Amino acid sequence: MAKQAKKIWIVLDSSGFGGIESHVEQLALGLSSLSNHVTVVFIQNHAQHPLEKRLQSHGITCVLLDGRIVSLWQAIKTHKPDIIHTHGYKAGILARPIARMMGVSCASTFHSGEKKQGRLHWYDWLDRNTAFLANHVYAVSTPILDTLPCPATLTNNFVDTQQLKPSKGEKIAFVGRLSQEKAPERMLNLATRYPSLHFDIFGDGPLRTQLEAEATENVTFHGAQESMTSIWPQVGLLVIPSKAEGLPMVALEAMARGIPVAAFDVGGLNRLIEHGKNGWLLEPNDMDGMAEVVHTWCSGNEHDKKHWRDNAIDTIETRYSAKAVVPLLLQDYAIFAK
């Protein structure tokens, strides 16, 4: 099975580290662990990229191009990958037609379902309306699947659970981009309701200055993290107050370490979270309910917390781990690469 897709290229355009980049990292490691030759191709060189550094530390080959379609064309023609798997709009728009013309099998994963504004709206439209050029299209949540105008498959994001240790931390944390769709201002709302508790925000983005100006003293902003490895052991509850999501990698990364997630029912989170069992899933915008969840978690005894932590880990191991998902992906590769 793996021999039919020995040389796999993962193609993306990226200048920072977020959910797509985390997915690509896990995908590259998972495919490589099953004896495939994996190369991660950055469409454009945005200087030293945190993902490039992390991949290279694991022995994954990275190629940085100059953003021109002719450069991608020449690279594919020269190296002749068996499979190209694209992530993000620019990678899909450029790589799919080239792969089709060269007879290279191509897959595309769509990670985002929220509406874009301005120029991004047209890039997103073009990405979705050229998705049919791929041999196989994936979406990480049902709402994203519903936006695609071609046949596509619902797929799970996943994380490598090997060597992960359960967290026994107590921090109440937000981890993500400080932007409108992530609704980080809702963490400030929780902080005003519970002045005796402390709330930690890990991430950066366009709303940071405004949020810091409005935050109470029981909120700490830690900025963007090159790696969350040393942070996760300090976290006890992850709050995802987003207005829109796919199937966020940050939720999987937390739950794989036994950190329950409190989130609103957006995107694919209802496939992941079982309310009261491995986390809490609330109706969108129900801030009273979210505040009650914070109280529930803080007042839980050790037996309660162990129950939530163990169920979170079990959910990821069973359905969202690399060992559960990557073999299924390789089966798809083998089918459409024939």
Foldseek 3Di string as FASTA:
>chain_A
DCVLQQFEEEEEADQADFQQLQLVLQLQVLNVVVNHQYEYEHLDPNDDYLSVVVCVVVVHHYHHHHNDLVRVLVVCVVPVGQEYEYEDLSRQLRVLVSCLVVVHAYEYEYWFQDQDDDPVNVSVVSSLVCNVSHLAYEYQFPSNCVVHPDDYYHAHRAHALPPAAAAPADAEEEEGEPDQQQPPVLVQVLCVVPVVAAYEYEEYYDCVVVSVVPHDPRYDYDYHDSDCRVPLNNYAEYERLGNAGANGPVCLVNLLNLRAYEYEPHHHVVVQDDDLQQHHYHHRPPSVVVSVRVVCSVPDDPVSSVRNSVRSNVSNVQGHYSVNGVVVVVVVSSVSSD
